[in-house]
Amino acid sequence: MALERDVGPRSQTHVTGRDEVLRRHLCSAHIGTSSHA
């Protein structure tokens, strides 16, 4: 988290938003796999 703070608020927000999107995508994929299984 230190690196994110050093980068700056804008970059931190961008990274956080991007990470959130990845989490949602992974969750959707995981749920889909579970449903098929």
PDB file of N, CA and C in Angstrom:
ATOM      1  N   MET A   1       0.836  -1.201   0.000  1.00  0.00           N
ATOM      2  CA  MET A   1       0.000   0.000   0.000  1.00  0.00           C
ATOM      3  C   MET A   1       0.867   1.246   0.000  1.00  0.00           C
ATOM      4  N   ALA A   2       2.091   1.088   0.478  1.00  0.00           N
ATOM      5  CA  ALA A   2       3.009   2.229   0.510  1.00  0.00           C
ATOM      6  C   ALA A   2       3.277   2.717  -0.910  1.00  0.00           C
ATOM      7  N   LEU A   3       3.437   1.764  -1.833  1.00  0.00           N
ATOM      8  CA  LEU A   3       3.708   2.137  -3.223  1.00  0.00           C
ATOM      9  C   LEU A   3       2.539   2.938  -3.783  1.00  0.00           C
ATOM     10  N   GLU A   4       1.316   2.493  -3.515  1.00  0.00           N
ATOM     11  CA  GLU A   4       0.137   3.190  -4.034  1.00  0.00           C
ATOM     12  C   GLU A   4       0.103   4.621  -3.503  1.00  0.00           C
ATOM     13  N   ARG A   5       0.433   4.799  -2.223  1.00  0.00           N
ATOM     14  CA  ARG A   5       0.419   6.141  -1.629  1.00  0.00           C
ATOM     15  C   ARG A   5       1.482   7.009  -2.297  1.00  0.00           C
ATOM     16  N   ASP A   6       2.644   6.420  -2.560  1.00  0.00           N
ATOM     17  CA  ASP A   6       3.729   7.188  -3.187  1.00  0.00           C
ATOM     18  C   ASP A   6       3.335   7.621  -4.598  1.00  0.00           C
ATOM     19  N   VAL A   7       2.628   6.757  -5.297  1.00  0.00           N
ATOM     20  CA  VAL A   7       2.225   7.063  -6.678  1.00  0.00           C
ATOM     21  C   VAL A   7       1.315   8.283  -6.701  1.00  0.00           C
ATOM     22  N   GLY A   8       0.348   8.335  -5.810  1.00  0.00           N
ATOM     23  CA  GLY A   8      -0.550   9.492  -5.757  1.00  0.00           C
ATOM     24  C   GLY A   8      -2.006   9.077  -5.649  1.00  0.00           C
ATOM     25  N   PRO A   9      -2.873   9.997  -5.249  1.00  0.00           N
ATOM     26  CA  PRO A   9      -4.298   9.711  -5.071  1.00  0.00           C
ATOM     27  C   PRO A   9      -4.958   9.253  -6.371  1.00  0.00           C
ATOM     28  N   ARG A  10      -4.661   9.937  -7.479  1.00  0.00           N
ATOM     29  CA  ARG A  10      -5.295   9.584  -8.753  1.00  0.00           C
ATOM     30  C   ARG A  10      -4.933   8.156  -9.139  1.00  0.00           C
ATOM     31  N   SER A  11      -3.652   7.841  -9.083  1.00  0.00           N
ATOM     32  CA  SER A  11      -3.206   6.498  -9.460  1.00  0.00           C
ATOM     33  C   SER A  11      -3.814   5.474  -8.510  1.00  0.00           C
ATOM     34  N   GLN A  12      -3.858   5.827  -7.230  1.00  0.00           N
ATOM     35  CA  GLN A  12      -4.409   4.892  -6.245  1.00  0.00           C
ATOM     36  C   GLN A  12      -5.871   4.602  -6.571  1.00  0.00           C
ATOM     37  N   THR A  13      -6.618   5.637  -6.900  1.00  0.00           N
ATOM     38  CA  THR A  13      -8.033   5.459  -7.234  1.00  0.00           C
ATOM     39  C   THR A  13      -8.161   4.610  -8.486  1.00  0.00           C
ATOM     40  N   HIS A  14      -7.321   4.877  -9.479  1.00  0.00           N
ATOM     41  CA  HIS A  14      -7.372   4.122 -10.733  1.00  0.00           C
ATOM     42  C   HIS A  14      -7.078   2.654 -10.458  1.00  0.00           C
ATOM     43  N   VAL A  15      -6.043   2.393  -9.679  1.00  0.00           N
ATOM     44  CA  VAL A  15      -5.674   1.006  -9.368  1.00  0.00           C
ATOM     45  C   VAL A  15      -6.787   0.331  -8.579  1.00  0.00           C
ATOM     46  N   THR A  16      -7.377   1.066  -7.625  1.00  0.00           N
ATOM     47  CA  THR A  16      -8.447   0.492  -6.809  1.00  0.00           C
ATOM     48  C   THR A  16      -9.632   0.125  -7.689  1.00  0.00           C
ATOM     49  N   GLY A  17     -10.019   1.026  -8.583  1.00  0.00           N
ATOM     50  CA  GLY A  17     -11.147   0.764  -9.479  1.00  0.00           C
ATOM     51  C   GLY A  17     -10.854  -0.432 -10.360  1.00  0.00           C
ATOM     52  N   ARG A  18      -9.635  -0.477 -10.869  1.00  0.00           N
ATOM     53  CA  ARG A  18      -9.257  -1.593 -11.750  1.00  0.00           C
ATOM     54  C   ARG A  18      -9.283  -2.898 -10.965  1.00  0.00           C
ATOM     55  N   ASP A  19      -8.780  -2.862  -9.730  1.00  0.00           N
ATOM     56  CA  ASP A  19      -8.757  -4.072  -8.906  1.00  0.00           C
ATOM     57  C   ASP A  19     -10.185  -4.536  -8.628  1.00  0.00           C
ATOM     58  N   GLU A  20     -11.077  -3.553  -8.393  1.00  0.00           N
ATOM     59  CA  GLU A  20     -12.479  -3.905  -8.111  1.00  0.00           C
ATOM     60  C   GLU A  20     -13.092  -4.618  -9.309  1.00  0.00           C
ATOM     61  N   VAL A  21     -12.798  -4.105 -10.503  1.00  0.00           N
ATOM     62  CA  VAL A  21     -13.331  -4.725 -11.731  1.00  0.00           C
ATOM     63  C   VAL A  21     -12.818  -6.157 -11.844  1.00  0.00           C
ATOM     64  N   LEU A  22     -11.526  -6.345 -11.549  1.00  0.00           N
ATOM     65  CA  LEU A  22     -10.950  -7.696 -11.640  1.00  0.00           C
ATOM     66  C   LEU A  22     -11.622  -8.611 -10.628  1.00  0.00           C
ATOM     67  N   ARG A  23     -11.866  -8.097  -9.440  1.00  0.00           N
ATOM     68  CA  ARG A  23     -12.510  -8.916  -8.399  1.00  0.00           C
ATOM     69  C   ARG A  23     -13.901  -9.333  -8.849  1.00  0.00           C
ATOM     70  N   ARG A  24     -14.647  -8.375  -9.419  1.00  0.00           N
ATOM     71  CA  ARG A  24     -16.008  -8.693  -9.870  1.00  0.00           C
ATOM     72  C   ARG A  24     -15.954  -9.746 -10.971  1.00  0.00           C
ATOM     73  N   HIS A  25     -14.991  -9.592 -11.888  1.00  0.00           N
ATOM     74  CA  HIS A  25     -14.869 -10.542 -12.998  1.00  0.00           C
ATOM     75  C   HIS A  25     -14.549 -11.931 -12.452  1.00  0.00           C
ATOM     76  N   LEU A  26     -13.621 -11.988 -11.496  1.00  0.00           N
ATOM     77  CA  LEU A  26     -13.237 -13.279 -10.924  1.00  0.00           C
ATOM     78  C   LEU A  26     -14.420 -13.887 -10.189  1.00  0.00           C
ATOM     79  N   CYS A  27     -15.166 -13.056  -9.458  1.00  0.00           N
ATOM     80  CA  CYS A  27     -16.328 -13.548  -8.711  1.00  0.00           C
ATOM     81  C   CYS A  27     -17.350 -14.121  -9.682  1.00  0.00           C
ATOM     82  N   SER A  28     -17.622 -13.392 -10.753  1.00  0.00           N
ATOM     83  CA  SER A  28     -18.603 -13.847 -11.745  1.00  0.00           C
ATOM     84  C   SER A  28     -18.142 -15.173 -12.348  1.00  0.00           C
ATOM     85  N   ALA A  29     -16.860 -15.270 -12.683  1.00  0.00           N
ATOM     86  CA  ALA A  29     -16.322 -16.485 -13.284  1.00  0.00           C
ATOM     87  C   ALA A  29     -16.419 -17.636 -12.281  1.00  0.00           C
ATOM     88  N   HIS A  30     -16.100 -17.348 -11.016  1.00  0.00           N
ATOM     89  CA  HIS A  30     -16.141 -18.389  -9.986  1.00  0.00           C
ATOM     90  C   HIS A  30     -17.579 -18.879  -9.796  1.00  0.00           C
ATOM     91  N   ILE A  31     -18.525 -17.939  -9.729  1.00  0.00           N
ATOM     92  CA  ILE A  31     -19.932 -18.302  -9.549  1.00  0.00           C
ATOM     93  C   ILE A  31     -20.404 -19.131 -10.742  1.00  0.00           C
ATOM     94  N   GLY A  32     -20.008 -18.705 -11.958  1.00  0.00           N
ATOM     95  CA  GLY A  32     -20.410 -19.433 -13.159  1.00  0.00           C
ATOM     96  C   GLY A  32     -19.870 -20.858 -13.118  1.00  0.00           C
ATOM     97  N   THR A  33     -18.613 -21.006 -12.709  1.00  0.00           N
ATOM     98  CA  THR A  33     -18.009 -22.337 -12.643  1.00  0.00           C
ATOM     99  C   THR A  33     -18.742 -23.184 -11.609  1.00  0.00           C
ATOM    100  N   SER A  34     -19.068 -22.579 -10.467  1.00  0.00           N
ATOM    101  CA  SER A  34     -19.763 -23.315  -9.411  1.00  0.00           C
ATOM    102  C   SER A  34     -21.130 -23.778  -9.908  1.00  0.00           C
ATOM    103  N   SER A  35     -21.827 -22.911 -10.644  1.00  0.00           N
ATOM    104  CA  SER A  35     -23.159 -23.258 -11.151  1.00  0.00           C
ATOM    105  C   SER A  35     -23.048 -24.446 -12.104  1.00  0.00           C
ATOM    106  N   HIS A  36     -22.049 -24.416 -12.993  1.00  0.00           N
ATOM    107  CA  HIS A  36     -21.864 -25.516 -13.944  1.00  0.00           C
ATOM    108  C   HIS A  36     -21.509 -26.797 -13.202  1.00  0.00           C
ATOM    109  N   ALA A  37     -20.675 -26.645 -12.164  1.00  0.00           N
ATOM    110  CA  ALA A  37     -20.255 -27.819 -11.402  1.00  0.00           C
ATOM    111  C   ALA A  37     -21.449 -28.348 -10.611  1.00  0.00           C
TER     112      ALA A  37
END
